[in-house]
Amino acid sequence: DDAAPGVVGTIKEVAKVAPRYDEAFVGLGNNKLRRTLQQRLQELGCVVPVLVHPRAYVSPSAVLSAGCIVEPMALVNANTVLEEGCLVSVGAIVDHDVVMGAYSHVNAGAICKAGSRIESGRRVETGEIVLGY
């Protein structure tokens, strides 16, 4: 098998590979493609988990939906909602009362200030600050 460690199958093989697993996760930064593949996995009956690195902080009152990932040193603060398939990259700050629309991505070192709203599919770039209240 030529797949990278932890990678099973190819995009073309998702329907063939998915039934062999209870859970599957789409590890792609392309928001549109991540949405397509995650929805396909769910149609095939796979549970898509939430992944939070042990060196990340996620408030107990935050809500993370299927397919979200929070990378090392990232912060997801109180009463924040991450809809399906959101990525919070290394060192990003998603402050309290933020809503990240489905399949959005807050890139490394970006900041979403309290009360901000991130549109579905949006990529917040490195160093960008999204204003809230």
Protein backbone atom coordinates (compact mmCIF):
# COMPACT_ATOMS: atom_id res chain seq x y z
CA ASP A 1 0.00 0.00 0.00
CA ASP A 2 1.45 3.38 -1.05
CA ALA A 3 -0.74 5.47 1.27
CA ALA A 4 0.91 7.78 3.78
CA PRO A 5 0.82 6.67 7.44
CA GLY A 6 -2.70 7.18 8.79
CA VAL A 7 -4.14 7.64 5.30
CA VAL A 8 -6.49 4.99 4.00
CA GLY A 9 -7.49 5.00 0.37
CA THR A 10 -7.83 7.85 -2.06
CA ILE A 11 -10.59 10.34 -2.77
CA LYS A 12 -11.79 8.13 -5.61
CA GLU A 13 -11.92 5.13 -3.27
CA VAL A 14 -13.94 6.71 -0.45
CA ALA A 15 -17.06 4.61 -1.10
CA LYS A 16 -14.99 1.42 -1.16
CA VAL A 17 -12.90 2.19 1.92
CA ALA A 18 -15.41 3.92 4.23
CA PRO A 19 -17.54 0.83 5.07
CA ARG A 20 -14.49 -0.81 6.68
CA TYR A 21 -14.36 1.81 9.44
CA ASP A 22 -16.72 3.08 12.14
CA GLU A 23 -15.15 6.54 12.04
CA ALA A 24 -13.41 8.56 9.36
CA PHE A 25 -11.98 12.07 9.28
CA VAL A 26 -11.23 14.34 6.32
CA GLY A 27 -7.85 15.97 6.88
CA LEU A 28 -7.87 18.53 4.07
CA GLY A 29 -7.52 22.31 4.24
CA ASN A 30 -9.59 22.93 1.11
CA ASN A 31 -12.96 23.92 2.63
CA LYS A 32 -15.08 23.02 -0.39
CA LEU A 33 -13.47 19.61 -0.90
CA ARG A 34 -13.58 18.88 2.86
CA ARG A 35 -17.34 19.57 2.81
CA THR A 36 -17.92 17.26 -0.17
CA LEU A 37 -15.91 14.39 1.31
CA GLN A 38 -17.25 14.70 4.84
CA GLN A 39 -20.83 14.72 3.61
CA ARG A 40 -20.08 11.67 1.46
CA LEU A 41 -18.59 9.82 4.45
CA GLN A 42 -21.68 10.62 6.50
CA GLU A 43 -23.95 9.39 3.68
CA LEU A 44 -21.96 6.13 3.78
CA GLY A 45 -22.70 5.78 7.51
CA CYS A 46 -19.34 6.85 8.94
CA VAL A 47 -19.18 8.81 12.14
CA VAL A 48 -16.97 11.86 11.63
CA PRO A 49 -15.34 12.67 14.99
CA VAL A 50 -14.14 15.93 16.51
CA LEU A 51 -10.37 16.08 16.96
CA VAL A 52 -8.82 18.31 19.63
CA HIS A 53 -5.07 18.28 20.19
CA PRO A 54 -4.11 17.80 23.87
CA ARG A 55 -2.17 21.09 23.76
CA ALA A 56 -5.21 23.06 22.57
CA TYR A 57 -7.75 24.70 24.87
CA VAL A 58 -11.47 24.28 24.25
CA SER A 59 -13.88 25.75 26.78
CA PRO A 60 -16.34 23.28 28.28
CA SER A 61 -19.17 25.55 27.08
CA ALA A 62 -17.99 25.56 23.45
CA VAL A 63 -19.89 23.40 20.96
CA LEU A 64 -17.90 21.58 18.28
CA SER A 65 -19.75 19.71 15.54
CA ALA A 66 -18.72 16.67 13.50
CA GLY A 67 -15.45 16.97 11.61
CA CYS A 68 -14.02 19.91 13.55
CA ILE A 69 -10.35 19.97 14.42
CA VAL A 70 -8.56 22.20 16.92
CA GLU A 71 -4.79 22.11 16.49
CA PRO A 72 -2.00 22.58 19.08
CA MET A 73 -1.87 25.86 21.02
CA ALA A 74 -5.21 26.98 19.55
CA LEU A 75 -7.91 28.45 21.78
CA VAL A 76 -11.68 28.06 21.46
CA ASN A 77 -13.28 30.11 24.21
CA ALA A 78 -16.60 30.08 26.08
CA ASN A 79 -19.96 29.81 24.32
CA THR A 80 -18.37 29.52 20.90
CA VAL A 81 -20.00 27.35 18.23
CA LEU A 82 -18.04 25.56 15.52
CA GLU A 83 -20.42 24.16 12.94
CA GLU A 84 -19.54 21.03 10.93
CA GLY A 85 -16.06 20.61 9.47
CA CYS A 86 -14.38 23.71 10.97
CA LEU A 87 -10.60 23.95 11.30
CA VAL A 88 -8.87 26.01 13.98
CA SER A 89 -5.17 25.94 13.11
CA VAL A 90 -2.13 26.06 15.35
CA GLY A 91 -2.05 29.08 17.64
CA ALA A 92 -5.33 30.54 16.38
CA ILE A 93 -7.63 32.33 18.85
CA VAL A 94 -11.39 31.96 18.59
CA ASP A 95 -12.66 34.05 21.48
CA HIS A 96 -15.97 33.79 23.33
CA ASP A 97 -19.38 33.89 21.65
CA VAL A 98 -17.98 33.34 18.15
CA VAL A 99 -19.92 31.37 15.55
CA MET A 100 -17.86 29.65 12.86
CA GLY A 101 -20.00 28.64 9.92
CA ALA A 102 -19.71 25.13 8.50
CA TYR A 103 -16.44 24.20 6.79
CA SER A 104 -14.68 27.45 7.66
CA HIS A 105 -11.01 27.67 8.64
CA VAL A 106 -9.24 30.00 11.06
CA ASN A 107 -5.63 29.77 9.96
CA ALA A 108 -2.48 29.74 12.12
CA GLY A 109 -2.20 32.78 14.36
CA ALA A 110 -5.46 34.39 13.22
CA ILE A 111 -7.78 35.93 15.79
CA CYS A 112 -11.58 35.93 15.83
CA LYS A 113 -12.56 38.46 18.47
CA ALA A 114 -15.48 38.03 20.85
CA GLY A 115 -18.86 37.86 19.16
CA SER A 116 -17.54 37.61 15.62
CA ARG A 117 -19.27 35.59 12.91
CA ILE A 118 -17.31 33.59 10.34
CA GLU A 119 -19.28 32.79 7.19
CA SER A 120 -19.56 29.16 6.06
CA GLY A 121 -16.66 28.19 3.83
CA ARG A 122 -14.55 31.24 4.73
CA ARG A 123 -10.81 31.02 5.34
CA VAL A 124 -9.50 33.53 7.88
CA GLU A 125 -5.88 34.06 6.88
CA THR A 126 -2.77 33.97 9.07
CA GLY A 127 -2.49 37.16 11.09
CA GLU A 128 -5.99 38.35 10.20
CA ILE A 129 -8.16 39.77 12.98
CA VAL A 130 -11.93 39.41 12.63
CA LEU A 131 -13.80 42.03 14.66
CA GLY A 132 -16.80 41.08 16.78
CA TYR A 133 -19.08 43.12 18.98
